[in-house]
C-alpha cells in the first residue's frame, strides 16, 4: 500500500513524495532519493519489496521533478536546497533516523546529509555515485538534459533512450528500454512528456572539458561509521572501478556490487533489489 503526499519547502514551493508500507513499523524506515532528472517511480519495485518485509519507505520527488512544483527561476535546483527539502519532507511524515537509498544526485544528497546530520543516517545505499564524480559523465549528462524534442509516442520514447544511452547499457533488452521509458517520462493525454523542468540544465552550464572531476571524499567519509553499500554500473562513466576501490579503502566495511552490462545508473530490479533488501535487513 502506498500513499502520495505533498508538503512545502521553505520558499512555499509545493513538493511531493510517496509513502509505502506501515507507518507504525518498528523497523528503521528507508528514505529514497532519486537522480538528477528522476522521480519516485525509480523506487517502486524496491519500495514494494521492502514494504513486503514490514518496512516503511518514503521517496521524494525533488522540486521541479515529477509531482513537485517547478521553481519559475530554476535557481533553487541545488543540492543544499534539495537536501533541506528532504529534511522538511521527513519531518512532515514523522520520519527520523533512517536508511537512505540514493541514486546519483540522491547519493550526493545522502553523503551531504551524513556530514550535516549524522544522527539521521543509520545506513546508506549509493547507486552509481561515489567519492569522485567523473567529469566525462557530467559532460554526457549536460549534453542531453533540457534538450531535444519530446517523443511522439511510447515506442519513440524507448528508441530515444536507446539512442542516448544504448552504448552504456549493452545488456538492456527491448523490454528494458520500454520499461525505462515508463520510468523516465510522465504521461499526458496518452503521450510521453518530460518529467522534469528543463531549467535543471542551468546547473550544468559551468561544466566544460576543463572542469576537474569533483572530489566528494570528504563527505563520503561521513558514512564511515554506518553500514554502506555501493552499487556501480559495470559500464558507468560517472564512477570508475578505481574510485570504487578507493572508497573500499576509505570505508573498510563497504559492500560493493557491480552490475555488468549497465551504465549510469543501474536499474533497481531483480537480484539487485534482493541484495539491497538483504543489506538493509542487516542494519535493523
C-alpha atoms as a PDB file:
ATOM      1  CA  UNK A   1       0.000   0.000   0.000  1.00  0.00           C
ATOM      2  CA  UNK A   2       1.379   3.408  -0.990  1.00  0.00           C
ATOM      3  CA  UNK A   3       0.206   6.951  -0.340  1.00  0.00           C
ATOM      4  CA  UNK A   4       1.074  10.049  -2.361  1.00  0.00           C
ATOM      5  CA  UNK A   5       1.640  13.144  -0.243  1.00  0.00           C
ATOM      6  CA  UNK A   6       2.619  16.784  -0.556  1.00  0.00           C
ATOM      7  CA  UNK A   7       4.356  19.275   1.706  1.00  0.00           C
ATOM      8  CA  UNK A   8       6.029  22.667   1.328  1.00  0.00           C
ATOM      9  CA  UNK A   9       9.608  23.888   1.019  1.00  0.00           C
ATOM     10  CA  UNK A  10      10.829  26.885   2.978  1.00  0.00           C
ATOM     11  CA  UNK A  11      10.061  29.110  -0.009  1.00  0.00           C
ATOM     12  CA  UNK A  12       6.472  27.848  -0.208  1.00  0.00           C
ATOM     13  CA  UNK A  13       7.003  25.582  -3.216  1.00  0.00           C
ATOM     14  CA  UNK A  14       4.704  22.531  -3.077  1.00  0.00           C
ATOM     15  CA  UNK A  15       6.724  19.312  -3.045  1.00  0.00           C
ATOM     16  CA  UNK A  16       5.667  15.691  -3.407  1.00  0.00           C
ATOM     17  CA  UNK A  17       6.576  12.221  -2.292  1.00  0.00           C
ATOM     18  CA  UNK A  18       5.302   8.682  -1.910  1.00  0.00           C
ATOM     19  CA  UNK A  19       4.967   6.785   1.365  1.00  0.00           C
ATOM     20  CA  UNK A  20       4.971   2.968   1.258  1.00  0.00           C
ATOM     21  CA  UNK A  21       4.294   0.385   3.952  1.00  0.00           C
ATOM     22  CA  UNK A  22       3.148   0.671   7.530  1.00  0.00           C
ATOM     23  CA  UNK A  23       3.858   3.941   9.321  1.00  0.00           C
ATOM     24  CA  UNK A  24       3.843   2.076  12.648  1.00  0.00           C
ATOM     25  CA  UNK A  25       6.649  -0.329  11.661  1.00  0.00           C
ATOM     26  CA  UNK A  26       9.246  -0.914  14.367  1.00  0.00           C
ATOM     27  CA  UNK A  27      11.958  -1.296  11.715  1.00  0.00           C
ATOM     28  CA  UNK A  28      14.117   1.609  10.605  1.00  0.00           C
ATOM     29  CA  UNK A  29      12.436   3.445   7.730  1.00  0.00           C
ATOM     30  CA  UNK A  30      14.068   3.801   4.327  1.00  0.00           C
ATOM     31  CA  UNK A  31      14.299   7.144   2.521  1.00  0.00           C
ATOM     32  CA  UNK A  32      14.770   7.011  -1.269  1.00  0.00           C
ATOM     33  CA  UNK A  33      16.356   9.913  -3.137  1.00  0.00           C
ATOM     34  CA  UNK A  34      16.385   9.828  -6.963  1.00  0.00           C
ATOM     35  CA  UNK A  35      18.836  11.050  -9.577  1.00  0.00           C
ATOM     36  CA  UNK A  36      19.059  14.488 -11.176  1.00  0.00           C
ATOM     37  CA  UNK A  37      16.077  14.232 -13.534  1.00  0.00           C
ATOM     38  CA  UNK A  38      14.427  11.189 -11.949  1.00  0.00           C
ATOM     39  CA  UNK A  39      11.376  10.593  -9.776  1.00  0.00           C
ATOM     40  CA  UNK A  40       9.924   8.282  -7.152  1.00  0.00           C
ATOM     41  CA  UNK A  41       8.974   5.826  -9.916  1.00  0.00           C
ATOM     42  CA  UNK A  42      12.542   4.510  -9.942  1.00  0.00           C
ATOM     43  CA  UNK A  43      11.975   3.074  -6.450  1.00  0.00           C
ATOM     44  CA  UNK A  44       8.568   1.436  -6.884  1.00  0.00           C
ATOM     45  CA  UNK A  45       9.861  -2.149  -7.109  1.00  0.00           C
ATOM     46  CA  UNK A  46      12.339  -1.674  -4.268  1.00  0.00           C
ATOM     47  CA  UNK A  47       9.741   0.020  -2.069  1.00  0.00           C
ATOM     48  CA  UNK A  48       7.243  -2.786  -2.672  1.00  0.00           C
ATOM     49  CA  UNK A  49       9.864  -5.409  -1.748  1.00  0.00           C
ATOM     50  CA  UNK A  50      10.828  -3.567   1.434  1.00  0.00           C
ATOM     51  CA  UNK A  51       7.211  -2.917   2.408  1.00  0.00           C
ATOM     52  CA  UNK A  52       6.513  -6.630   1.994  1.00  0.00           C
ATOM     53  CA  UNK A  53       9.155  -7.196   4.679  1.00  0.00           C
ATOM     54  CA  UNK A  54       7.324  -4.823   7.027  1.00  0.00           C
ATOM     55  CA  UNK A  55       9.453  -1.748   6.395  1.00  0.00           C
ATOM     56  CA  UNK A  56       8.260   1.796   5.735  1.00  0.00           C
ATOM     57  CA  UNK A  57       9.706   3.515   2.657  1.00  0.00           C
ATOM     58  CA  UNK A  58       9.428   7.229   1.853  1.00  0.00           C
ATOM     59  CA  UNK A  59      10.542   8.517  -1.553  1.00  0.00           C
ATOM     60  CA  UNK A  60      10.734  12.126  -2.715  1.00  0.00           C
ATOM     61  CA  UNK A  61      10.297  13.999  -5.984  1.00  0.00           C
ATOM     62  CA  UNK A  62      12.719  16.929  -5.842  1.00  0.00           C
ATOM     63  CA  UNK A  63      11.436  20.387  -6.730  1.00  0.00           C
ATOM     64  CA  UNK A  64      10.992  20.646 -10.497  1.00  0.00           C
ATOM     65  CA  UNK A  65      10.621  16.890 -10.933  1.00  0.00           C
ATOM     66  CA  UNK A  66       7.684  14.517 -11.002  1.00  0.00           C
ATOM     67  CA  UNK A  67       4.695  15.716  -8.994  1.00  0.00           C
ATOM     68  CA  UNK A  68       6.583  18.552  -7.285  1.00  0.00           C
ATOM     69  CA  UNK A  69       6.072  22.126  -8.424  1.00  0.00           C
ATOM     70  CA  UNK A  70       8.662  23.889 -10.538  1.00  0.00           C
ATOM     71  CA  UNK A  71      10.688  26.885  -9.447  1.00  0.00           C
ATOM     72  CA  UNK A  72       9.936  29.630 -12.004  1.00  0.00           C
ATOM     73  CA  UNK A  73      13.541  30.824 -11.801  1.00  0.00           C
ATOM     74  CA  UNK A  74      15.260  27.430 -11.626  1.00  0.00           C
ATOM     75  CA  UNK A  75      17.730  28.952  -9.193  1.00  0.00           C
ATOM     76  CA  UNK A  76      16.807  26.671  -6.293  1.00  0.00           C
ATOM     77  CA  UNK A  77      17.681  23.441  -8.102  1.00  0.00           C
ATOM     78  CA  UNK A  78      20.730  22.857  -5.936  1.00  0.00           C
ATOM     79  CA  UNK A  79      21.925  20.055  -3.671  1.00  0.00           C
ATOM     80  CA  UNK A  80      21.715  22.170  -0.467  1.00  0.00           C
ATOM     81  CA  UNK A  81      18.112  23.182  -1.200  1.00  0.00           C
ATOM     82  CA  UNK A  82      17.101  19.654  -2.177  1.00  0.00           C
ATOM     83  CA  UNK A  83      18.726  18.314   0.997  1.00  0.00           C
ATOM     84  CA  UNK A  84      16.734  20.820   3.045  1.00  0.00           C
ATOM     85  CA  UNK A  85      13.569  19.851   1.178  1.00  0.00           C
ATOM     86  CA  UNK A  86      14.175  16.184   2.016  1.00  0.00           C
ATOM     87  CA  UNK A  87      14.656  17.016   5.687  1.00  0.00           C
ATOM     88  CA  UNK A  88      11.413  19.016   5.699  1.00  0.00           C
ATOM     89  CA  UNK A  89       9.676  16.119   3.977  1.00  0.00           C
ATOM     90  CA  UNK A  90      10.947  13.658   6.557  1.00  0.00           C
ATOM     91  CA  UNK A  91       9.710  15.918   9.346  1.00  0.00           C
ATOM     92  CA  UNK A  92       6.321  16.302   7.666  1.00  0.00           C
ATOM     93  CA  UNK A  93       5.968  12.497   7.563  1.00  0.00           C
ATOM     94  CA  UNK A  94       7.262  11.931  11.077  1.00  0.00           C
ATOM     95  CA  UNK A  95      10.383  10.143   9.840  1.00  0.00           C
ATOM     96  CA  UNK A  96      13.598  10.341  11.857  1.00  0.00           C
ATOM     97  CA  UNK A  97      16.751   8.214  11.754  1.00  0.00           C
ATOM     98  CA  UNK A  98      16.619   6.212   8.529  1.00  0.00           C
ATOM     99  CA  UNK A  99      18.483   4.130   5.989  1.00  0.00           C
ATOM    100  CA  UNK A 100      18.988   6.097   2.763  1.00  0.00           C
ATOM    101  CA  UNK A 101      18.987   4.815  -0.799  1.00  0.00           C
ATOM    102  CA  UNK A 102      20.379   7.476  -3.121  1.00  0.00           C
ATOM    103  CA  UNK A 103      20.776   7.218  -6.885  1.00  0.00           C
ATOM    104  CA  UNK A 104      23.361   9.545  -8.437  1.00  0.00           C
ATOM    105  CA  UNK A 105      22.395  13.038  -7.171  1.00  0.00           C
ATOM    106  CA  UNK A 106      20.434  11.301  -4.437  1.00  0.00           C
ATOM    107  CA  UNK A 107      23.666   9.678  -3.306  1.00  0.00           C
ATOM    108  CA  UNK A 108      25.366  13.071  -3.161  1.00  0.00           C
ATOM    109  CA  UNK A 109      22.495  14.331  -1.016  1.00  0.00           C
ATOM    110  CA  UNK A 110      22.823  11.235   1.177  1.00  0.00           C
ATOM    111  CA  UNK A 111      26.558  11.829   1.736  1.00  0.00           C
ATOM    112  CA  UNK A 112      25.904  15.524   2.385  1.00  0.00           C
ATOM    113  CA  UNK A 113      23.206  14.629   4.887  1.00  0.00           C
ATOM    114  CA  UNK A 114      25.536  12.233   6.692  1.00  0.00           C
ATOM    115  CA  UNK A 115      28.033  15.080   7.037  1.00  0.00           C
ATOM    116  CA  UNK A 116      25.438  17.629   8.182  1.00  0.00           C
ATOM    117  CA  UNK A 117      23.097  15.420  10.250  1.00  0.00           C
ATOM    118  CA  UNK A 118      24.869  12.164  11.143  1.00  0.00           C
ATOM    119  CA  UNK A 119      22.188  11.477  13.751  1.00  0.00           C
ATOM    120  CA  UNK A 120      19.685  10.839  10.963  1.00  0.00           C
ATOM    121  CA  UNK A 121      21.692   8.348   8.889  1.00  0.00           C
ATOM    122  CA  UNK A 122      21.693   4.724  10.058  1.00  0.00           C
ATOM    123  CA  UNK A 123      22.948   3.299   6.767  1.00  0.00           C
ATOM    124  CA  UNK A 124      23.256   4.094   3.084  1.00  0.00           C
ATOM    125  CA  UNK A 125      22.987   2.571  -0.370  1.00  0.00           C
ATOM    126  CA  UNK A 126      24.745   4.643  -3.046  1.00  0.00           C
ATOM    127  CA  UNK A 127      23.579   3.806  -6.554  1.00  0.00           C
ATOM    128  CA  UNK A 128      26.324   4.646  -9.072  1.00  0.00           C
ATOM    129  CA  UNK A 129      27.800   7.620  -7.281  1.00  0.00           C
ATOM    130  CA  UNK A 130      30.966   7.830  -5.268  1.00  0.00           C
ATOM    131  CA  UNK A 131      33.777   9.840  -3.790  1.00  0.00           C
ATOM    132  CA  UNK A 132      34.868  11.131  -7.211  1.00  0.00           C
ATOM    133  CA  UNK A 133      32.330  12.113  -9.882  1.00  0.00           C
ATOM    134  CA  UNK A 134      33.828  11.755 -13.335  1.00  0.00           C
ATOM    135  CA  UNK A 135      33.680  14.986 -15.356  1.00  0.00           C
ATOM    136  CA  UNK A 136      33.252  12.954 -18.553  1.00  0.00           C
ATOM    137  CA  UNK A 137      29.995  11.567 -17.210  1.00  0.00           C
ATOM    138  CA  UNK A 138      28.812  15.026 -16.192  1.00  0.00           C
ATOM    139  CA  UNK A 139      29.540  16.314 -19.698  1.00  0.00           C
ATOM    140  CA  UNK A 140      27.498  13.482 -21.179  1.00  0.00           C
ATOM    141  CA  UNK A 141      24.572  14.335 -18.877  1.00  0.00           C
ATOM    142  CA  UNK A 142      24.913  18.008 -19.800  1.00  0.00           C
ATOM    143  CA  UNK A 143      24.652  17.056 -23.471  1.00  0.00           C
ATOM    144  CA  UNK A 144      21.022  15.945 -23.185  1.00  0.00           C
ATOM    145  CA  UNK A 145      19.381  17.446 -20.057  1.00  0.00           C
ATOM    146  CA  UNK A 146      16.805  20.035 -21.091  1.00  0.00           C
ATOM    147  CA  UNK A 147      17.455  19.444 -24.801  1.00  0.00           C
ATOM    148  CA  UNK A 148      15.699  17.638 -27.611  1.00  0.00           C
ATOM    149  CA  UNK A 149      12.098  17.369 -28.749  1.00  0.00           C
ATOM    150  CA  UNK A 150       9.550  15.260 -26.854  1.00  0.00           C
ATOM    151  CA  UNK A 151       8.826  11.802 -28.277  1.00  0.00           C
ATOM    152  CA  UNK A 152       5.603  11.307 -30.186  1.00  0.00           C
ATOM    153  CA  UNK A 153       4.675   8.006 -28.562  1.00  0.00           C
ATOM    154  CA  UNK A 154       5.995   5.391 -26.152  1.00  0.00           C
ATOM    155  CA  UNK A 155       7.812   3.434 -28.835  1.00  0.00           C
ATOM    156  CA  UNK A 156       9.643   6.566 -29.886  1.00  0.00           C
ATOM    157  CA  UNK A 157      10.424   7.314 -26.232  1.00  0.00           C
ATOM    158  CA  UNK A 158      12.090   3.916 -25.815  1.00  0.00           C
ATOM    159  CA  UNK A 159      14.021   4.433 -29.053  1.00  0.00           C
ATOM    160  CA  UNK A 160      15.155   7.873 -27.943  1.00  0.00           C
ATOM    161  CA  UNK A 161      16.541   6.470 -24.690  1.00  0.00           C
ATOM    162  CA  UNK A 162      18.287   3.646 -26.558  1.00  0.00           C
ATOM    163  CA  UNK A 163      19.915   6.164 -28.915  1.00  0.00           C
ATOM    164  CA  UNK A 164      21.102   8.281 -25.985  1.00  0.00           C
ATOM    165  CA  UNK A 165      22.247   5.554 -23.609  1.00  0.00           C
ATOM    166  CA  UNK A 166      22.467   2.315 -25.568  1.00  0.00           C
ATOM    167  CA  UNK A 167      26.266   2.204 -25.628  1.00  0.00           C
ATOM    168  CA  UNK A 168      26.312   2.257 -21.822  1.00  0.00           C
ATOM    169  CA  UNK A 169      23.615  -0.414 -21.442  1.00  0.00           C
ATOM    170  CA  UNK A 170      24.580  -3.273 -23.768  1.00  0.00           C
ATOM    171  CA  UNK A 171      22.696  -5.753 -21.574  1.00  0.00           C
ATOM    172  CA  UNK A 172      19.332  -3.983 -21.998  1.00  0.00           C
ATOM    173  CA  UNK A 173      16.620  -5.770 -23.974  1.00  0.00           C
ATOM    174  CA  UNK A 174      13.788  -4.160 -25.943  1.00  0.00           C
ATOM    175  CA  UNK A 175      11.571  -4.675 -22.896  1.00  0.00           C
ATOM    176  CA  UNK A 176      14.147  -2.977 -20.672  1.00  0.00           C
ATOM    177  CA  UNK A 177      14.093   0.131 -22.876  1.00  0.00           C
ATOM    178  CA  UNK A 178      10.293   0.146 -22.819  1.00  0.00           C
ATOM    179  CA  UNK A 179      10.374  -0.129 -19.031  1.00  0.00           C
ATOM    180  CA  UNK A 180      12.952   2.631 -18.806  1.00  0.00           C
ATOM    181  CA  UNK A 181      10.734   4.879 -20.949  1.00  0.00           C
ATOM    182  CA  UNK A 182       7.864   4.370 -18.489  1.00  0.00           C
ATOM    183  CA  UNK A 183      10.185   5.278 -15.609  1.00  0.00           C
ATOM    184  CA  UNK A 184      11.649   8.312 -17.369  1.00  0.00           C
ATOM    185  CA  UNK A 185       8.645  10.054 -18.907  1.00  0.00           C
ATOM    186  CA  UNK A 186       5.328  11.137 -17.460  1.00  0.00           C
ATOM    187  CA  UNK A 187       2.122  10.624 -19.447  1.00  0.00           C
ATOM    188  CA  UNK A 188      -0.062  13.435 -20.700  1.00  0.00           C
ATOM    189  CA  UNK A 189      -3.066  12.707 -22.912  1.00  0.00           C
ATOM    190  CA  UNK A 190      -1.630   9.270 -23.574  1.00  0.00           C
ATOM    191  CA  UNK A 191       1.732  10.601 -24.775  1.00  0.00           C
ATOM    192  CA  UNK A 192       5.117  10.655 -23.016  1.00  0.00           C
ATOM    193  CA  UNK A 193       6.317  14.040 -21.758  1.00  0.00           C
ATOM    194  CA  UNK A 194       9.439  15.131 -19.900  1.00  0.00           C
ATOM    195  CA  UNK A 195       9.002  14.776 -16.150  1.00  0.00           C
ATOM    196  CA  UNK A 196      11.481  17.451 -15.099  1.00  0.00           C
ATOM    197  CA  UNK A 197      11.931  21.187 -15.528  1.00  0.00           C
ATOM    198  CA  UNK A 198      14.298  21.984 -18.443  1.00  0.00           C
ATOM    199  CA  UNK A 199      15.760  24.736 -16.243  1.00  0.00           C
ATOM    200  CA  UNK A 200      17.692  21.950 -14.470  1.00  0.00           C
ATOM    201  CA  UNK A 201      20.168  22.344 -17.311  1.00  0.00           C
ATOM    202  CA  UNK A 202      21.296  25.659 -15.805  1.00  0.00           C
ATOM    203  CA  UNK A 203      23.073  23.780 -13.032  1.00  0.00           C
ATOM    204  CA  UNK A 204      25.268  22.070 -15.630  1.00  0.00           C
ATOM    205  CA  UNK A 205      26.193  25.149 -17.646  1.00  0.00           C
ATOM    206  CA  UNK A 206      29.550  25.629 -15.908  1.00  0.00           C
ATOM    207  CA  UNK A 207      30.807  22.138 -16.755  1.00  0.00           C
ATOM    208  CA  UNK A 208      33.364  22.123 -19.573  1.00  0.00           C
ATOM    209  CA  UNK A 209      36.070  19.777 -20.794  1.00  0.00           C
ATOM    210  CA  UNK A 210      38.441  21.658 -18.482  1.00  0.00           C
ATOM    211  CA  UNK A 211      36.294  21.000 -15.410  1.00  0.00           C
ATOM    212  CA  UNK A 212      38.041  18.695 -12.925  1.00  0.00           C
ATOM    213  CA  UNK A 213      36.170  15.685 -11.600  1.00  0.00           C
ATOM    214  CA  UNK A 214      34.520  16.731  -8.306  1.00  0.00           C
ATOM    215  CA  UNK A 215      36.115  15.093  -5.269  1.00  0.00           C
ATOM    216  CA  UNK A 216      33.492  14.162  -2.673  1.00  0.00           C
ATOM    217  CA  UNK A 217      35.748  12.041  -0.471  1.00  0.00           C
ATOM    218  CA  UNK A 218      35.323  14.449   2.473  1.00  0.00           C
ATOM    219  CA  UNK A 219      31.559  13.959   2.630  1.00  0.00           C
ATOM    220  CA  UNK A 220      31.793  10.257   1.763  1.00  0.00           C
ATOM    221  CA  UNK A 221      33.926   9.938   4.916  1.00  0.00           C
ATOM    222  CA  UNK A 222      30.827  10.862   6.933  1.00  0.00           C
ATOM    223  CA  UNK A 223      29.385   7.442   6.039  1.00  0.00           C
ATOM    224  CA  UNK A 224      32.329   5.585   7.592  1.00  0.00           C
ATOM    225  CA  UNK A 225      30.507   4.913  10.912  1.00  0.00           C
ATOM    226  CA  UNK A 226      27.445   3.309   9.264  1.00  0.00           C
ATOM    227  CA  UNK A 227      26.847   0.287   7.014  1.00  0.00           C
ATOM    228  CA  UNK A 228      27.165   1.375   3.395  1.00  0.00           C
ATOM    229  CA  UNK A 229      26.575  -0.366   0.086  1.00  0.00           C
ATOM    230  CA  UNK A 230      27.928   0.887  -3.244  1.00  0.00           C
ATOM    231  CA  UNK A 231      26.253  -0.168  -6.482  1.00  0.00           C
ATOM    232  CA  UNK A 232      28.280   0.535  -9.604  1.00  0.00           C
ATOM    233  CA  UNK A 233      27.211   0.032 -13.183  1.00  0.00           C
ATOM    234  CA  UNK A 234      29.860  -2.029 -14.939  1.00  0.00           C
ATOM    235  CA  UNK A 235      29.961   0.464 -17.832  1.00  0.00           C
ATOM    236  CA  UNK A 236      29.319   3.602 -15.768  1.00  0.00           C
ATOM    237  CA  UNK A 237      31.066   6.793 -16.829  1.00  0.00           C
ATOM    238  CA  UNK A 238      30.264   8.621 -13.588  1.00  0.00           C
ATOM    239  CA  UNK A 239      32.140   6.365 -11.174  1.00  0.00           C
ATOM    240  CA  UNK A 240      35.166   4.297 -12.165  1.00  0.00           C
ATOM    241  CA  UNK A 241      36.256   0.976 -10.733  1.00  0.00           C
ATOM    242  CA  UNK A 242      39.313   2.776  -9.369  1.00  0.00           C
ATOM    243  CA  UNK A 243      37.074   5.137  -7.416  1.00  0.00           C
ATOM    244  CA  UNK A 244      35.077   2.194  -6.084  1.00  0.00           C
ATOM    245  CA  UNK A 245      38.338   0.575  -4.921  1.00  0.00           C
ATOM    246  CA  UNK A 246      39.428   3.819  -3.249  1.00  0.00           C
ATOM    247  CA  UNK A 247      36.072   4.030  -1.464  1.00  0.00           C
ATOM    248  CA  UNK A 248      36.543   0.491  -0.145  1.00  0.00           C
ATOM    249  CA  UNK A 249      39.886   1.527   1.317  1.00  0.00           C
ATOM    250  CA  UNK A 250      38.319   4.636   2.863  1.00  0.00           C
ATOM    251  CA  UNK A 251      35.358   2.659   4.237  1.00  0.00           C
ATOM    252  CA  UNK A 252      36.672  -0.849   5.089  1.00  0.00           C
ATOM    253  CA  UNK A 253      33.161  -2.174   5.692  1.00  0.00           C
ATOM    254  CA  UNK A 254      31.866  -1.015   2.303  1.00  0.00           C
ATOM    255  CA  UNK A 255      29.870  -3.622   0.400  1.00  0.00           C
ATOM    256  CA  UNK A 256      30.258  -3.191  -3.367  1.00  0.00           C
ATOM    257  CA  UNK A 257      28.125  -4.639  -6.141  1.00  0.00           C
ATOM    258  CA  UNK A 258      28.966  -4.172  -9.818  1.00  0.00           C
ATOM    259  CA  UNK A 259      26.144  -4.612 -12.323  1.00  0.00           C
ATOM    260  CA  UNK A 260      27.503  -5.936 -15.652  1.00  0.00           C
ATOM    261  CA  UNK A 261      26.199  -4.516 -18.896  1.00  0.00           C
ATOM    262  CA  UNK A 262      24.597  -1.466 -17.299  1.00  0.00           C
ATOM    263  CA  UNK A 263      25.895   2.086 -17.075  1.00  0.00           C
ATOM    264  CA  UNK A 264      24.728   5.134 -15.166  1.00  0.00           C
ATOM    265  CA  UNK A 265      22.730   4.260 -13.185  1.00  0.00           C
ATOM    266  CA  UNK A 266      21.780   0.588 -12.973  1.00  0.00           C
ATOM    267  CA  UNK A 267      18.046  -0.080 -12.881  1.00  0.00           C
ATOM    268  CA  UNK A 268      16.764  -1.192  -9.479  1.00  0.00           C
ATOM    269  CA  UNK A 269      15.212  -4.574 -10.214  1.00  0.00           C
ATOM    270  CA  UNK A 270      15.542  -8.331  -9.817  1.00  0.00           C
ATOM    271  CA  UNK A 271      18.535  -9.695  -7.959  1.00  0.00           C
ATOM    272  CA  UNK A 272      19.787  -6.172  -7.277  1.00  0.00           C
ATOM    273  CA  UNK A 273      16.632  -5.434  -5.288  1.00  0.00           C
ATOM    274  CA  UNK A 274      17.119  -8.694  -3.365  1.00  0.00           C
ATOM    275  CA  UNK A 275      20.670  -7.666  -2.483  1.00  0.00           C
ATOM    276  CA  UNK A 276      19.537  -4.229  -1.268  1.00  0.00           C
ATOM    277  CA  UNK A 277      16.678  -5.699   0.779  1.00  0.00           C
ATOM    278  CA  UNK A 278      19.024  -8.214   2.439  1.00  0.00           C
ATOM    279  CA  UNK A 279      21.619  -5.499   3.132  1.00  0.00           C
ATOM    280  CA  UNK A 280      19.007  -3.236   4.729  1.00  0.00           C
ATOM    281  CA  UNK A 281      17.656  -6.139   6.774  1.00  0.00           C
ATOM    282  CA  UNK A 282      21.092  -6.479   8.364  1.00  0.00           C
ATOM    283  CA  UNK A 283      21.064  -2.899   9.601  1.00  0.00           C
ATOM    284  CA  UNK A 284      17.913  -3.021  11.704  1.00  0.00           C
END
